[in-house]
Every structure is written in structure tokens, then in C-alpha cells.
């Protein structure tokens, strides 16, 4: 009897959540104006903590021999991986630690140190200067997608709108996933507030139109 009550309560709560913001739970037509995208966003956000726990490997995904576990945030996990220390330093310099440690969920395409080393000489040092903070933030948020996308969710030809506002192009061939020209080296690093895919190149947003 108690189990039936819990099941009914969960179903009722989910229905209320999907209708929130546009109608009360007793309304019979108000939620019809809510778009499918908005509903899906609510569903993804609501399900994310459970899904992350279910899909994360029990011992975490290994990066640099260190387990990236689902009980830590994106930033906390990345801070434990030496091969993405440049990315972590850039996130701190851009003032994005609090954002990427927040509830999310986020999908982050995280370049390795080797990826940053491929940029022109002096580019990283220039981006890390205080006067370049806005530009650095623009580059980093071009690597972040709202919501949680696992590798299995990425499809060939898909376009993803970044937090920065521009789009990324996904290509999938022979099981290899690429975002723009970067290859996903370590997929599905599950964190408590999203997922990180480690990539081998830095993604640079398109130059503003003149």
C-alpha cells in the first residue's frame, strides 16, 4: 500500500514539474503552450542525477590513472587530472569555477594540455592575461553545452548550440566521435553536474562578422 502511494506521488510530482511555470497542477490546458524542447529540458534536468549515477562506472572513468567519479563536480574531477591542468587554470582565470561547479547539467568538451600546446606560440599566455578575461570566457564557453549529452547521444551531422552562442558540428564515423575538428579521446566522464568528453584540440569560436 505504501509502495502504491509512493508511485502515485512520484507520477503526480513529475506531471506537476512538466507543467510548472505555465499552469497550476490542476489546469487541463495551460501546459499545451509549453514547447517540446522546454519539456525535454525539464525532463533531462530532473532525471540527470539518477541517470548519472546509473550510467557512471562504479569506480569512475580513469583519466591519467585517476578515477573521475560521479559524486564530484566537473571542476573537482578535472582538478584531479594532470593532463587537463591548463583547462582547469583557464576556467579559474575566466571566473567559471562557480558556474561549472553549479547544478547544471552541462556537457563539457575538455581539451588536454597537449591540445592547448597546439595553439600558436603565446596564444595561451595571451588568453590568460587579466585584460583577456572576456575573450577567454568566450573560448571556454564555446566548449560547453547546456544539458547532459553522452557519447551515445551524439549523432553524425548534429549541431550543438554552445553556452557561448555559436554552434559545434558533430561527426561520427566508425565509432569515432569528432566535434568540429577535435576527436573525443575519453568519452562519458560522468560528474555530479554533467559529463565531460576529453578532446585533442581546442575549439575556437568563429570570428565575429565584420
Protein backbone atom coordinates (compact mmCIF):
# COMPACT_ATOMS: atom_id res chain seq x y z
CA UNK A 1 0.00 0.00 0.00
CA UNK A 2 2.81 2.38 0.90
CA UNK A 3 4.61 1.45 -2.32
CA UNK A 4 1.50 2.30 -4.36
CA UNK A 5 1.26 5.66 -2.61
CA UNK A 6 4.91 6.45 -3.37
CA UNK A 7 4.43 5.50 -7.04
CA UNK A 8 1.32 7.69 -7.35
CA UNK A 9 3.07 10.58 -5.60
CA UNK A 10 6.07 10.32 -7.93
CA UNK A 11 3.86 10.34 -11.01
CA UNK A 12 1.92 13.33 -9.68
CA UNK A 13 5.16 15.23 -8.91
CA UNK A 14 6.54 14.56 -12.39
CA UNK A 15 3.33 15.83 -14.00
CA UNK A 16 3.49 18.99 -11.89
CA UNK A 17 7.13 19.54 -12.80
CA UNK A 18 6.45 19.36 -16.52
CA UNK A 19 3.61 21.85 -16.21
CA UNK A 20 5.42 24.26 -13.86
CA UNK A 21 5.68 27.88 -14.86
CA UNK A 22 2.75 27.90 -17.26
CA UNK A 23 -0.12 26.45 -15.32
CA UNK A 24 -1.07 25.06 -11.93
CA UNK A 25 -1.12 21.33 -11.46
CA UNK A 26 -4.91 21.33 -11.66
CA UNK A 27 -5.05 23.03 -15.07
CA UNK A 28 -6.12 20.90 -18.02
CA UNK A 29 -4.89 23.04 -20.93
CA UNK A 30 -2.26 25.55 -19.78
CA UNK A 31 0.70 23.25 -20.40
CA UNK A 32 -0.22 22.80 -24.05
CA UNK A 33 1.62 26.02 -24.86
CA UNK A 34 4.89 24.66 -23.48
CA UNK A 35 7.24 23.59 -26.27
CA UNK A 36 8.59 20.07 -26.63
CA UNK A 37 12.13 21.42 -26.17
CA UNK A 38 11.20 23.05 -22.86
CA UNK A 39 9.57 19.86 -21.62
CA UNK A 40 12.60 17.81 -22.64
CA UNK A 41 14.93 20.23 -20.84
CA UNK A 42 12.92 19.84 -17.64
CA UNK A 43 12.89 16.07 -18.02
CA UNK A 44 16.65 15.91 -18.63
CA UNK A 45 17.44 18.17 -15.68
CA UNK A 46 15.11 16.27 -13.37
CA UNK A 47 16.44 12.85 -14.39
CA UNK A 48 20.09 13.80 -14.56
CA UNK A 49 21.29 12.91 -11.02
CA UNK A 50 19.67 9.46 -11.22
CA UNK A 51 20.90 8.83 -14.76
CA UNK A 52 24.45 9.91 -13.94
CA UNK A 53 24.59 7.52 -11.01
CA UNK A 54 23.21 4.71 -13.18
CA UNK A 55 25.48 5.29 -16.17
CA UNK A 56 28.70 6.16 -14.34
CA UNK A 57 31.13 3.29 -13.92
CA UNK A 58 31.14 2.28 -10.24
CA UNK A 59 34.86 3.01 -9.92
CA UNK A 60 34.72 6.08 -12.18
CA UNK A 61 36.28 6.71 -15.59
CA UNK A 62 40.06 6.74 -15.42
CA UNK A 63 41.89 9.86 -16.62
CA UNK A 64 45.65 9.95 -16.03
CA UNK A 65 45.24 6.95 -13.76
CA UNK A 66 42.84 8.86 -11.53
CA UNK A 67 39.18 7.87 -11.14
CA UNK A 68 36.73 10.58 -12.21
CA UNK A 69 33.69 9.75 -10.07
CA UNK A 70 30.03 10.74 -10.28
CA UNK A 71 29.95 12.19 -6.78
CA UNK A 72 32.26 15.08 -7.73
CA UNK A 73 31.54 18.15 -9.86
CA UNK A 74 33.00 18.70 -13.33
CA UNK A 75 35.63 21.08 -11.92
CA UNK A 76 36.51 18.83 -8.97
CA UNK A 77 37.08 15.84 -11.24
CA UNK A 78 39.09 17.84 -13.77
CA UNK A 79 41.27 19.27 -10.98
CA UNK A 80 42.45 15.73 -10.20
CA UNK A 81 43.61 15.01 -13.76
CA UNK A 82 47.10 16.38 -14.58
CA UNK A 83 46.56 16.21 -18.36
CA UNK A 84 43.85 18.90 -18.25
CA UNK A 85 45.58 21.26 -15.80
CA UNK A 86 45.74 24.05 -18.40
CA UNK A 87 41.97 23.83 -18.86
CA UNK A 88 41.42 23.99 -15.09
CA UNK A 89 43.72 27.02 -14.81
CA UNK A 90 41.84 28.72 -17.66
CA UNK A 91 38.47 28.02 -16.02
CA UNK A 92 39.74 29.65 -12.82
CA UNK A 93 41.17 32.64 -14.68
CA UNK A 94 37.89 33.16 -16.57
CA UNK A 95 35.86 33.07 -13.36
CA UNK A 96 33.88 30.00 -14.43
CA UNK A 97 34.63 27.71 -11.47
CA UNK A 98 31.40 28.55 -9.67
CA UNK A 99 29.35 28.11 -12.84
CA UNK A 100 30.84 24.73 -13.74
CA UNK A 101 30.54 23.61 -10.12
CA UNK A 102 26.86 24.55 -10.08
CA UNK A 103 23.80 22.39 -10.55
CA UNK A 104 23.94 22.23 -14.35
CA UNK A 105 23.74 19.87 -16.00
CA UNK A 106 26.45 20.68 -18.54
CA UNK A 107 28.27 18.83 -21.28
CA UNK A 108 31.91 19.93 -21.48
CA UNK A 109 34.32 19.13 -24.29
CA UNK A 110 37.59 19.38 -22.36
CA UNK A 111 40.85 19.96 -24.27
CA UNK A 112 44.01 18.34 -22.94
CA UNK A 113 47.20 20.24 -22.17
CA UNK A 114 48.60 18.87 -25.44
CA UNK A 115 45.64 20.43 -27.25
CA UNK A 116 46.45 23.85 -25.78
CA UNK A 117 50.10 23.34 -26.78
CA UNK A 118 49.00 23.13 -30.43
CA UNK A 119 47.79 26.74 -30.37
CA UNK A 120 50.13 29.40 -31.83
CA UNK A 121 53.03 30.38 -29.60
CA UNK A 122 51.96 32.85 -26.95
CA UNK A 123 48.21 32.30 -27.54
CA UNK A 124 47.55 30.65 -24.18
CA UNK A 125 49.62 33.20 -22.28
CA UNK A 126 47.73 35.98 -24.04
CA UNK A 127 44.35 34.49 -23.15
CA UNK A 128 45.37 34.14 -19.51
CA UNK A 129 46.07 37.87 -19.10
CA UNK A 130 43.54 39.76 -16.96
CA UNK A 131 42.62 42.04 -19.84
CA UNK A 132 41.71 38.99 -21.96
CA UNK A 133 39.24 37.56 -19.44
CA UNK A 134 36.15 38.11 -21.61
CA UNK A 135 37.84 36.56 -24.65
CA UNK A 136 38.99 33.59 -22.57
CA UNK A 137 35.48 33.14 -21.22
CA UNK A 138 34.15 33.15 -24.79
CA UNK A 139 36.59 30.42 -25.83
CA UNK A 140 35.81 28.25 -22.82
CA UNK A 141 32.02 28.59 -23.02
CA UNK A 142 32.31 27.51 -26.68
CA UNK A 143 33.27 24.13 -25.19
CA UNK A 144 30.14 23.89 -23.01
CA UNK A 145 26.67 22.68 -23.99
CA UNK A 146 23.62 23.11 -21.72
CA UNK A 147 22.29 19.71 -20.65
CA UNK A 148 23.93 16.31 -20.44
CA UNK A 149 24.93 14.56 -23.68
CA UNK A 150 26.64 11.20 -23.53
CA UNK A 151 28.65 9.91 -26.48
CA UNK A 152 25.67 7.74 -27.43
CA UNK A 153 23.56 10.90 -27.78
CA UNK A 154 25.94 12.46 -30.33
CA UNK A 155 24.91 11.83 -33.94
CA UNK A 156 26.66 12.36 -37.24
CA UNK A 157 25.75 15.77 -38.68
CA UNK A 158 24.32 17.03 -35.38
CA UNK A 159 24.75 20.70 -34.47
CA UNK A 160 25.05 21.71 -30.83
CA UNK A 161 24.44 25.24 -29.59
CA UNK A 162 27.05 26.21 -27.03
CA UNK A 163 26.74 28.41 -23.95
CA UNK A 164 28.84 30.92 -25.91
CA UNK A 165 26.07 31.04 -28.54
CA UNK A 166 27.79 29.59 -31.60
CA UNK A 167 27.31 26.03 -32.83
CA UNK A 168 29.52 22.95 -32.85
CA UNK A 169 29.30 20.34 -35.61
CA UNK A 170 29.37 16.66 -34.62
CA UNK A 171 30.62 13.90 -36.91
CA UNK A 172 30.62 10.19 -36.14
CA UNK A 173 32.46 7.67 -38.31
CA UNK A 174 33.49 4.10 -37.50
CA UNK A 175 32.70 4.72 -33.86
CA UNK A 176 34.95 7.78 -33.66
CA UNK A 177 33.25 10.95 -32.44
CA UNK A 178 34.52 14.35 -33.54
CA UNK A 179 33.38 17.85 -32.59
CA UNK A 180 34.42 20.36 -35.25
CA UNK A 181 37.99 19.13 -35.90
CA UNK A 182 38.59 17.71 -32.42
CA UNK A 183 38.45 13.98 -31.66
CA UNK A 184 36.90 12.69 -28.46
CA UNK A 185 39.66 10.75 -26.73
CA UNK A 186 37.93 9.87 -23.46
CA UNK A 187 34.12 9.95 -23.57
CA UNK A 188 31.50 9.96 -20.83
CA UNK A 189 33.42 11.23 -17.82
CA UNK A 190 30.37 11.47 -15.56
CA UNK A 191 30.27 14.10 -12.82
CA UNK A 192 27.54 15.08 -10.38
CA UNK A 193 26.53 18.07 -12.55
CA UNK A 194 27.13 16.79 -16.06
CA UNK A 195 29.53 14.96 -18.33
CA UNK A 196 32.94 15.71 -19.84
CA UNK A 197 34.36 14.40 -23.09
CA UNK A 198 38.15 14.82 -23.26
CA UNK A 199 39.22 16.11 -26.70
CA UNK A 200 42.54 16.54 -28.51
CA UNK A 201 42.12 20.08 -29.85
CA UNK A 202 40.98 23.44 -28.53
CA UNK A 203 37.71 24.56 -30.12
CA UNK A 204 37.86 28.17 -31.30
CA UNK A 205 34.62 30.07 -31.91
CA UNK A 206 34.11 31.70 -35.31
CA UNK A 207 35.45 35.21 -35.62
CA UNK A 208 32.71 37.87 -35.32
CA UNK A 209 31.36 39.06 -38.66
CA UNK A 210 32.78 42.40 -39.74
